[in-house]
């Protein structure tokens, strides 16, 4: 017959650990070190978070202010390139369900038109990269939609 193990006490039936825990909670409540401290920490953390978010927004706004039309148009071209491949169903295992000849043609033609507008504003390496992208788009279009 197994007997339950009992916590040893000072002999008067008190649970020393429980007594110490309750005493600590009482002291923290009176000194404000418990829940009040936690609420103050939460408030200061919230203020710190808000300040960090405001700083991040300020930095993002500065970056946006530095963008040029060329930057935006180039980004649009990259988006059109991605869309064109998707509408061509490339890669087939992921995008075949999106295959749409007219949409793919519009994306490729738009890329071409924007490239013609930007051509004089681009460095030699930028122009070469975009020209290569356009050529790949056109070749893939002809392969997918003969």
C-alpha atoms as a PDB file:
ATOM      1  CA  UNK A   1       0.000   0.000   0.000  1.00  0.00           C
ATOM      2  CA  UNK A   2       1.556   3.188  -1.210  1.00  0.00           C
ATOM      3  CA  UNK A   3       1.148   6.230   0.896  1.00  0.00           C
ATOM      4  CA  UNK A   4       0.982   9.655  -0.663  1.00  0.00           C
ATOM      5  CA  UNK A   5       4.104  11.647  -0.167  1.00  0.00           C
ATOM      6  CA  UNK A   6       3.432  14.791   1.773  1.00  0.00           C
ATOM      7  CA  UNK A   7       5.415  17.964   1.691  1.00  0.00           C
ATOM      8  CA  UNK A   8       7.422  18.381   4.793  1.00  0.00           C
ATOM      9  CA  UNK A   9       6.430  21.349   6.833  1.00  0.00           C
ATOM     10  CA  UNK A  10       7.732  22.998   9.936  1.00  0.00           C
ATOM     11  CA  UNK A  11       5.582  20.643  11.923  1.00  0.00           C
ATOM     12  CA  UNK A  12       2.602  22.947  12.303  1.00  0.00           C
ATOM     13  CA  UNK A  13       0.846  21.905   9.075  1.00  0.00           C
ATOM     14  CA  UNK A  14       1.848  25.002   7.073  1.00  0.00           C
ATOM     15  CA  UNK A  15       2.937  24.740   3.463  1.00  0.00           C
ATOM     16  CA  UNK A  16       6.082  26.881   3.522  1.00  0.00           C
ATOM     17  CA  UNK A  17       6.243  27.343  -0.272  1.00  0.00           C
ATOM     18  CA  UNK A  18       2.627  28.459  -0.500  1.00  0.00           C
ATOM     19  CA  UNK A  19       3.057  30.798   2.462  1.00  0.00           C
ATOM     20  CA  UNK A  20       6.165  32.393   0.898  1.00  0.00           C
ATOM     21  CA  UNK A  21       4.413  32.788  -2.457  1.00  0.00           C
ATOM     22  CA  UNK A  22       1.396  34.494  -0.905  1.00  0.00           C
ATOM     23  CA  UNK A  23       3.616  36.777   1.162  1.00  0.00           C
ATOM     24  CA  UNK A  24       5.551  37.780  -1.956  1.00  0.00           C
ATOM     25  CA  UNK A  25       2.343  38.540  -3.878  1.00  0.00           C
ATOM     26  CA  UNK A  26       1.059  40.643  -0.984  1.00  0.00           C
ATOM     27  CA  UNK A  27       4.294  42.626  -0.783  1.00  0.00           C
ATOM     28  CA  UNK A  28       4.384  43.173  -4.554  1.00  0.00           C
ATOM     29  CA  UNK A  29       0.795  44.387  -4.480  1.00  0.00           C
ATOM     30  CA  UNK A  30       1.563  46.906  -1.724  1.00  0.00           C
ATOM     31  CA  UNK A  31       4.779  48.191  -3.279  1.00  0.00           C
ATOM     32  CA  UNK A  32       3.435  48.352  -6.808  1.00  0.00           C
ATOM     33  CA  UNK A  33       6.044  45.946  -8.099  1.00  0.00           C
ATOM     34  CA  UNK A  34       3.510  43.404  -9.327  1.00  0.00           C
ATOM     35  CA  UNK A  35       0.641  44.209 -11.642  1.00  0.00           C
ATOM     36  CA  UNK A  36       1.199  47.976 -11.559  1.00  0.00           C
ATOM     37  CA  UNK A  37       4.795  47.535 -12.694  1.00  0.00           C
ATOM     38  CA  UNK A  38       3.616  45.222 -15.452  1.00  0.00           C
ATOM     39  CA  UNK A  39       1.079  47.801 -16.656  1.00  0.00           C
ATOM     40  CA  UNK A  40       3.737  50.528 -16.671  1.00  0.00           C
ATOM     41  CA  UNK A  41       6.108  48.285 -18.623  1.00  0.00           C
ATOM     42  CA  UNK A  42       3.334  47.537 -21.125  1.00  0.00           C
ATOM     43  CA  UNK A  43       2.631  51.266 -21.542  1.00  0.00           C
ATOM     44  CA  UNK A  44       6.292  52.143 -22.075  1.00  0.00           C
ATOM     45  CA  UNK A  45       6.688  49.225 -24.469  1.00  0.00           C
ATOM     46  CA  UNK A  46       3.642  50.488 -26.388  1.00  0.00           C
ATOM     47  CA  UNK A  47       5.134  53.983 -26.563  1.00  0.00           C
ATOM     48  CA  UNK A  48       8.486  52.571 -27.710  1.00  0.00           C
ATOM     49  CA  UNK A  49       6.752  50.498 -30.362  1.00  0.00           C
ATOM     50  CA  UNK A  50       4.803  53.519 -31.568  1.00  0.00           C
ATOM     51  CA  UNK A  51       7.993  55.620 -31.771  1.00  0.00           C
ATOM     52  CA  UNK A  52       9.752  52.857 -33.720  1.00  0.00           C
ATOM     53  CA  UNK A  53       6.810  52.569 -36.126  1.00  0.00           C
ATOM     54  CA  UNK A  54       6.755  56.343 -36.648  1.00  0.00           C
ATOM     55  CA  UNK A  55      10.498  56.323 -37.365  1.00  0.00           C
ATOM     56  CA  UNK A  56      10.085  53.457 -39.830  1.00  0.00           C
ATOM     57  CA  UNK A  57       7.254  55.299 -41.595  1.00  0.00           C
ATOM     58  CA  UNK A  58       9.397  58.444 -41.779  1.00  0.00           C
ATOM     59  CA  UNK A  59      12.266  56.459 -43.336  1.00  0.00           C
ATOM     60  CA  UNK A  60       9.944  54.790 -45.831  1.00  0.00           C
ATOM     61  CA  UNK A  61       8.502  58.164 -46.815  1.00  0.00           C
ATOM     62  CA  UNK A  62      12.033  59.475 -47.417  1.00  0.00           C
ATOM     63  CA  UNK A  63      12.772  56.505 -49.664  1.00  0.00           C
ATOM     64  CA  UNK A  64       9.543  57.040 -51.591  1.00  0.00           C
ATOM     65  CA  UNK A  65      10.411  60.721 -52.021  1.00  0.00           C
ATOM     66  CA  UNK A  66      13.744  59.737 -53.600  1.00  0.00           C
ATOM     67  CA  UNK A  67      12.110  57.461 -56.208  1.00  0.00           C
ATOM     68  CA  UNK A  68      12.193  58.633 -59.782  1.00  0.00           C
ATOM     69  CA  UNK A  69       9.767  57.962 -62.601  1.00  0.00           C
ATOM     70  CA  UNK A  70      12.429  55.720 -64.110  1.00  0.00           C
ATOM     71  CA  UNK A  71      12.482  53.640 -60.903  1.00  0.00           C
ATOM     72  CA  UNK A  72       8.713  53.241 -60.928  1.00  0.00           C
ATOM     73  CA  UNK A  73       8.513  52.384 -64.641  1.00  0.00           C
ATOM     74  CA  UNK A  74      11.322  49.843 -64.291  1.00  0.00           C
ATOM     75  CA  UNK A  75       9.466  48.221 -61.393  1.00  0.00           C
ATOM     76  CA  UNK A  76       6.313  48.160 -63.510  1.00  0.00           C
ATOM     77  CA  UNK A  77       8.255  46.398 -66.251  1.00  0.00           C
ATOM     78  CA  UNK A  78       9.415  43.728 -63.808  1.00  0.00           C
ATOM     79  CA  UNK A  79       5.820  43.247 -62.679  1.00  0.00           C
ATOM     80  CA  UNK A  80       4.673  42.983 -66.295  1.00  0.00           C
ATOM     81  CA  UNK A  81       7.381  40.410 -66.967  1.00  0.00           C
ATOM     82  CA  UNK A  82       6.208  38.269 -64.043  1.00  0.00           C
ATOM     83  CA  UNK A  83       2.598  38.626 -65.136  1.00  0.00           C
ATOM     84  CA  UNK A  84       3.451  37.745 -68.741  1.00  0.00           C
ATOM     85  CA  UNK A  85       5.119  34.490 -67.682  1.00  0.00           C
ATOM     86  CA  UNK A  86       2.168  33.642 -65.474  1.00  0.00           C
ATOM     87  CA  UNK A  87      -0.288  34.324 -68.318  1.00  0.00           C
ATOM     88  CA  UNK A  88       1.871  32.186 -70.609  1.00  0.00           C
ATOM     89  CA  UNK A  89       1.482  29.378 -68.084  1.00  0.00           C
ATOM     90  CA  UNK A  90       5.202  29.294 -67.255  1.00  0.00           C
ATOM     91  CA  UNK A  91       6.150  27.265 -65.298  1.00  0.00           C
ATOM     92  CA  UNK A  92       3.368  24.925 -66.357  1.00  0.00           C
ATOM     93  CA  UNK A  93       3.078  23.018 -63.079  1.00  0.00           C
ATOM     94  CA  UNK A  94       2.333  26.253 -61.184  1.00  0.00           C
ATOM     95  CA  UNK A  95       0.772  28.582 -63.738  1.00  0.00           C
ATOM     96  CA  UNK A  96      -0.905  26.528 -66.460  1.00  0.00           C
ATOM     97  CA  UNK A  97      -4.331  27.354 -65.017  1.00  0.00           C
ATOM     98  CA  UNK A  98      -3.642  31.082 -65.606  1.00  0.00           C
ATOM     99  CA  UNK A  99      -2.711  30.663 -69.273  1.00  0.00           C
ATOM    100  CA  UNK A 100      -4.326  33.426 -71.338  1.00  0.00           C
ATOM    101  CA  UNK A 101      -2.981  34.409 -74.749  1.00  0.00           C
ATOM    102  CA  UNK A 102      -4.483  37.913 -74.880  1.00  0.00           C
ATOM    103  CA  UNK A 103      -3.382  38.813 -71.362  1.00  0.00           C
ATOM    104  CA  UNK A 104       0.137  37.498 -72.014  1.00  0.00           C
ATOM    105  CA  UNK A 105       0.347  39.462 -75.281  1.00  0.00           C
ATOM    106  CA  UNK A 106      -0.770  42.656 -73.570  1.00  0.00           C
ATOM    107  CA  UNK A 107       1.852  42.220 -70.830  1.00  0.00           C
ATOM    108  CA  UNK A 108       4.665  41.576 -73.346  1.00  0.00           C
ATOM    109  CA  UNK A 109       3.589  44.483 -75.589  1.00  0.00           C
ATOM    110  CA  UNK A 110       3.353  46.799 -72.575  1.00  0.00           C
ATOM    111  CA  UNK A 111       6.842  45.777 -71.476  1.00  0.00           C
ATOM    112  CA  UNK A 112       8.086  46.548 -75.001  1.00  0.00           C
ATOM    113  CA  UNK A 113       6.359  49.953 -75.060  1.00  0.00           C
ATOM    114  CA  UNK A 114       7.761  50.962 -71.676  1.00  0.00           C
ATOM    115  CA  UNK A 115      11.219  49.805 -72.733  1.00  0.00           C
ATOM    116  CA  UNK A 116      11.036  52.107 -75.772  1.00  0.00           C
ATOM    117  CA  UNK A 117      10.052  55.032 -73.542  1.00  0.00           C
ATOM    118  CA  UNK A 118      12.894  54.402 -71.077  1.00  0.00           C
ATOM    119  CA  UNK A 119      15.616  53.383 -73.511  1.00  0.00           C
ATOM    120  CA  UNK A 120      17.315  56.796 -73.616  1.00  0.00           C
ATOM    121  CA  UNK A 121      17.291  57.097 -69.807  1.00  0.00           C
ATOM    122  CA  UNK A 122      18.993  53.754 -69.150  1.00  0.00           C
ATOM    123  CA  UNK A 123      22.636  52.906 -68.662  1.00  0.00           C
ATOM    124  CA  UNK A 124      24.138  50.436 -71.126  1.00  0.00           C
ATOM    125  CA  UNK A 125      23.899  47.543 -68.659  1.00  0.00           C
ATOM    126  CA  UNK A 126      20.311  48.403 -67.673  1.00  0.00           C
ATOM    127  CA  UNK A 127      19.291  48.596 -71.323  1.00  0.00           C
ATOM    128  CA  UNK A 128      21.015  45.295 -72.052  1.00  0.00           C
ATOM    129  CA  UNK A 129      19.263  43.547 -69.140  1.00  0.00           C
ATOM    130  CA  UNK A 130      15.826  44.859 -70.105  1.00  0.00           C
ATOM    131  CA  UNK A 131      16.399  44.071 -73.786  1.00  0.00           C
ATOM    132  CA  UNK A 132      17.346  40.528 -72.819  1.00  0.00           C
ATOM    133  CA  UNK A 133      14.205  40.243 -70.669  1.00  0.00           C
ATOM    134  CA  UNK A 134      12.064  41.473 -73.553  1.00  0.00           C
ATOM    135  CA  UNK A 135      13.673  39.023 -75.982  1.00  0.00           C
ATOM    136  CA  UNK A 136      13.042  36.126 -73.563  1.00  0.00           C
ATOM    137  CA  UNK A 137       9.427  37.183 -73.125  1.00  0.00           C
ATOM    138  CA  UNK A 138       8.893  37.339 -76.887  1.00  0.00           C
ATOM    139  CA  UNK A 139      10.594  33.978 -77.527  1.00  0.00           C
ATOM    140  CA  UNK A 140       8.568  32.264 -74.819  1.00  0.00           C
ATOM    141  CA  UNK A 141       5.357  33.820 -76.110  1.00  0.00           C
ATOM    142  CA  UNK A 142       5.989  32.409 -79.590  1.00  0.00           C
ATOM    143  CA  UNK A 143       6.827  28.969 -78.144  1.00  0.00           C
ATOM    144  CA  UNK A 144       3.725  28.850 -75.949  1.00  0.00           C
ATOM    145  CA  UNK A 145       1.303  30.411 -78.444  1.00  0.00           C
ATOM    146  CA  UNK A 146       2.523  29.374 -81.969  1.00  0.00           C
END
